[in-house]
Amino acid sequence: MSRKSWHFVLLILLIPALPPLRDVVEASMSSLMLCLLPCLAVAGWAFAELYVISRRSLMDAMRPYGLALCTLCTFSYGVWMVPIAIDLSRMSMATGIARDASVCVAGFSMALAIRISPWPVLLFFIGNLVWMGVTVGLIFVEEPVRLCANYLLGDQHQAGAGIVAYSAGAGLWLLGWVCRKAGLADLSSDI
């Protein structure tokens, strides 16, 4: 992708976080969890593609920090799966900005980690992210009471189903990616 394309993608992804549209997106738990947060994570990824990944010397300098980048991404993802954190980010502008910034940083750090970390480390961390997403999504779907005070039960169920679907898709991508990285795709043709 060209630099102009990445700039355009970055701009488009940040639109849901801007104040006029932000209130509309935050009004629904499913649009918050399935639209705004993924858009911000991909915006962080696009920022990494634009300004860091193309600079070889900077990537080489980041190589010892692959484990820390994976940990940062996992922590940020995990915090915004907790219902009280979701409620607080909706009620306080400062917490909402912290949420948005940390999700962008998570996307940024994952983009770097995928480039510099060995595949077993990524399998562990991304596998845990997938497992966390499926678990939290199923809790949101199966729980008979509202977990977030700001959102309705039906909206919680929709958000949970979407999180499970996103996590399942990420899990399938992870399996294919690990097979390619580990060279298992070549082994299957010999069998």
Protein backbone atom coordinates (compact mmCIF):
# COMPACT_ATOMS: atom_id res chain seq x y z
CA MET A 1 0.00 0.00 0.00
CA SER A 2 1.30 3.47 -0.81
CA ARG A 3 1.85 6.16 1.80
CA LYS A 4 -1.08 8.18 0.45
CA SER A 5 -3.33 5.14 0.83
CA TRP A 6 -2.21 4.64 4.44
CA HIS A 7 -2.85 8.33 5.20
CA PHE A 8 -6.37 7.99 3.77
CA VAL A 9 -7.01 4.78 5.75
CA LEU A 10 -5.77 6.47 8.94
CA LEU A 11 -8.07 9.45 8.39
CA ILE A 12 -11.13 7.27 7.69
CA LEU A 13 -10.48 5.10 10.75
CA LEU A 14 -10.33 8.08 13.09
CA ILE A 15 -13.67 9.55 11.97
CA PRO A 16 -15.81 7.54 14.47
CA ALA A 17 -13.72 8.95 17.35
CA LEU A 18 -14.41 12.59 16.41
CA PRO A 19 -16.92 14.44 18.64
CA PRO A 20 -20.00 14.71 16.43
CA LEU A 21 -19.99 11.02 15.51
CA ARG A 22 -18.44 9.82 18.78
CA ASP A 23 -21.65 10.28 20.79
CA VAL A 24 -23.63 8.28 18.24
CA VAL A 25 -21.08 5.46 18.21
CA GLU A 26 -20.79 5.36 22.03
CA ALA A 27 -24.59 5.26 22.44
CA SER A 28 -24.59 1.54 21.61
CA MET A 29 -22.34 -1.07 23.20
CA SER A 30 -22.16 -3.03 19.96
CA SER A 31 -21.09 -0.01 17.91
CA LEU A 32 -18.54 0.92 20.58
CA MET A 33 -17.05 -2.58 20.85
CA LEU A 34 -17.42 -3.63 17.21
CA CYS A 35 -16.86 -0.34 15.35
CA LEU A 36 -15.01 2.32 17.35
CA LEU A 37 -12.48 0.16 19.21
CA PRO A 38 -11.49 -1.94 16.15
CA CYS A 39 -11.21 1.24 14.05
CA LEU A 40 -8.90 2.79 16.64
CA ALA A 41 -6.77 -0.36 16.83
CA VAL A 42 -6.42 -0.44 13.04
CA ALA A 43 -5.62 3.29 13.08
CA GLY A 44 -2.74 2.54 15.46
CA TRP A 45 -1.63 -0.22 13.09
CA ALA A 46 -1.80 2.20 10.13
CA PHE A 47 0.25 4.76 12.07
CA ALA A 48 2.92 2.10 12.65
CA GLU A 49 2.89 1.20 8.94
CA LEU A 50 3.29 4.84 7.98
CA TYR A 51 5.94 6.05 10.37
CA VAL A 52 7.85 3.15 11.91
CA ILE A 53 7.77 -0.09 9.94
CA SER A 54 9.29 1.44 6.81
CA ARG A 55 12.34 2.62 8.82
CA ARG A 56 14.64 -0.39 9.06
CA SER A 57 16.97 1.08 11.70
CA LEU A 58 14.05 1.91 13.99
CA MET A 59 12.63 -1.59 13.58
CA ASP A 60 16.02 -3.09 14.42
CA ALA A 61 16.17 -0.92 17.55
CA MET A 62 12.69 -2.17 18.58
CA ARG A 63 13.59 -5.88 18.18
CA PRO A 64 14.50 -6.45 21.87
CA TYR A 65 11.11 -5.07 22.93
CA GLY A 66 8.85 -7.54 21.13
CA LEU A 67 7.72 -9.21 24.33
CA ALA A 68 6.96 -5.85 25.95
CA LEU A 69 4.95 -4.77 22.91
CA CYS A 70 2.88 -7.98 23.06
CA THR A 71 2.29 -7.48 26.78
CA LEU A 72 1.21 -3.87 26.26
CA CYS A 73 -1.27 -4.90 23.59
CA THR A 74 -2.70 -7.69 25.74
CA PHE A 75 -3.07 -5.40 28.76
CA SER A 76 -4.81 -2.67 26.76
CA TYR A 77 -7.17 -5.14 25.11
CA GLY A 78 -7.98 -6.78 28.43
CA VAL A 79 -8.74 -3.55 30.28
CA TRP A 80 -11.44 -2.51 27.81
CA MET A 81 -13.17 -5.89 28.08
CA VAL A 82 -14.01 -5.23 31.75
CA PRO A 83 -17.60 -3.90 32.08
CA ILE A 84 -16.75 -1.24 34.68
CA ALA A 85 -14.01 0.14 32.42
CA ILE A 86 -16.52 0.32 29.55
CA ASP A 87 -18.96 2.22 31.79
CA LEU A 88 -16.29 4.60 33.08
CA SER A 89 -15.08 5.37 29.57
CA ARG A 90 -18.64 6.28 28.60
CA MET A 91 -19.25 8.50 31.63
CA SER A 92 -15.92 10.37 31.74
CA MET A 93 -14.38 12.17 28.78
CA ALA A 94 -10.88 11.78 30.25
CA THR A 95 -11.34 8.01 30.62
CA GLY A 96 -12.80 7.85 27.10
CA ILE A 97 -9.74 9.61 25.70
CA ALA A 98 -7.47 7.27 27.68
CA ARG A 99 -9.41 4.31 26.24
CA ASP A 100 -9.07 5.60 22.70
CA ALA A 101 -5.36 6.35 23.10
CA SER A 102 -4.61 2.98 24.69
CA VAL A 103 -6.47 1.11 21.95
CA CYS A 104 -4.48 3.02 19.30
CA VAL A 105 -1.27 2.16 21.17
CA ALA A 106 -2.37 -1.49 21.27
CA GLY A 107 -2.81 -1.53 17.49
CA PHE A 108 0.52 0.24 17.05
CA SER A 109 2.35 -2.18 19.33
CA MET A 110 0.76 -5.24 17.70
CA ALA A 111 1.83 -4.04 14.25
CA LEU A 112 5.42 -3.74 15.47
CA ALA A 113 5.33 -6.99 17.46
CA ILE A 114 4.15 -9.00 14.46
CA ARG A 115 7.14 -7.74 12.49
CA ILE A 116 9.84 -8.26 15.15
CA SER A 117 8.73 -11.08 17.49
CA PRO A 118 9.29 -14.77 16.87
CA TRP A 119 6.16 -16.68 15.90
CA PRO A 120 5.93 -18.79 19.11
CA VAL A 121 5.73 -15.60 21.20
CA LEU A 122 3.05 -14.22 18.92
CA LEU A 123 1.15 -17.51 19.00
CA PHE A 124 1.06 -17.30 22.80
CA PHE A 125 -0.02 -13.66 23.02
CA ILE A 126 -2.44 -13.52 20.11
CA GLY A 127 -3.84 -16.88 21.16
CA ASN A 128 -4.52 -15.41 24.60
CA LEU A 129 -6.19 -12.38 23.01
CA VAL A 130 -8.42 -14.70 20.98
CA TRP A 131 -9.26 -16.79 24.05
CA MET A 132 -9.99 -13.65 26.09
CA GLY A 133 -12.26 -12.29 23.35
CA VAL A 134 -14.22 -15.53 23.05
CA THR A 135 -14.58 -15.85 26.82
CA VAL A 136 -15.70 -12.25 27.40
CA GLY A 137 -17.99 -12.36 24.36
CA LEU A 138 -19.69 -15.51 25.64
CA ILE A 139 -20.09 -13.95 29.08
CA PHE A 140 -21.73 -10.91 27.46
CA VAL A 141 -24.05 -13.20 25.46
CA GLU A 142 -24.95 -15.65 28.23
CA GLU A 143 -25.30 -13.29 31.20
CA PRO A 144 -29.01 -12.75 32.03
CA VAL A 145 -28.35 -9.35 33.64
CA ARG A 146 -26.72 -6.19 32.35
CA LEU A 147 -23.01 -6.00 33.07
CA CYS A 148 -22.68 -2.38 31.92
CA ALA A 149 -24.97 0.20 33.49
CA ASN A 150 -24.88 2.37 30.36
CA TYR A 151 -26.08 -0.26 27.89
CA LEU A 152 -29.20 -2.40 27.49
CA LEU A 153 -29.16 -6.18 27.83
CA GLY A 154 -29.98 -6.79 24.15
CA ASP A 155 -27.15 -4.52 23.10
CA GLN A 156 -24.81 -6.41 25.44
CA HIS A 157 -25.83 -9.68 23.78
CA GLN A 158 -25.18 -8.25 20.30
CA ALA A 159 -21.78 -6.91 21.33
CA GLY A 160 -20.89 -10.27 22.87
CA ALA A 161 -21.85 -12.16 19.71
CA GLY A 162 -19.80 -9.75 17.62
CA ILE A 163 -16.78 -10.10 19.91
CA VAL A 164 -17.02 -13.89 19.62
CA ALA A 165 -17.21 -13.61 15.81
CA TYR A 166 -14.22 -11.21 15.66
CA SER A 167 -12.23 -13.48 17.96
CA ALA A 168 -13.06 -16.58 15.94
CA GLY A 169 -11.93 -14.79 12.77
CA ALA A 170 -8.71 -13.70 14.48
CA GLY A 171 -8.17 -17.27 15.66
CA LEU A 172 -8.54 -18.65 12.13
CA TRP A 173 -6.15 -16.01 10.79
CA LEU A 174 -3.69 -16.89 13.57
CA LEU A 175 -3.77 -20.58 12.70
CA GLY A 176 -3.05 -19.87 9.03
CA TRP A 177 -0.34 -17.35 9.87
CA VAL A 178 1.40 -19.70 12.30
CA CYS A 179 1.27 -22.56 9.79
CA ARG A 180 2.95 -20.35 7.20
CA LYS A 181 5.56 -19.04 9.66
CA ALA A 182 6.35 -22.47 11.07
CA GLY A 183 6.57 -24.00 7.61
CA LEU A 184 3.71 -26.40 8.28
CA ALA A 185 1.98 -25.47 5.02
CA ASP A 186 4.87 -27.06 3.11
CA LEU A 187 4.73 -30.22 5.23
CA SER A 188 1.04 -30.84 4.50
CA SER A 189 1.74 -31.14 0.76
CA ASP A 190 4.19 -34.01 1.48
CA ILE A 191 1.63 -36.08 3.36
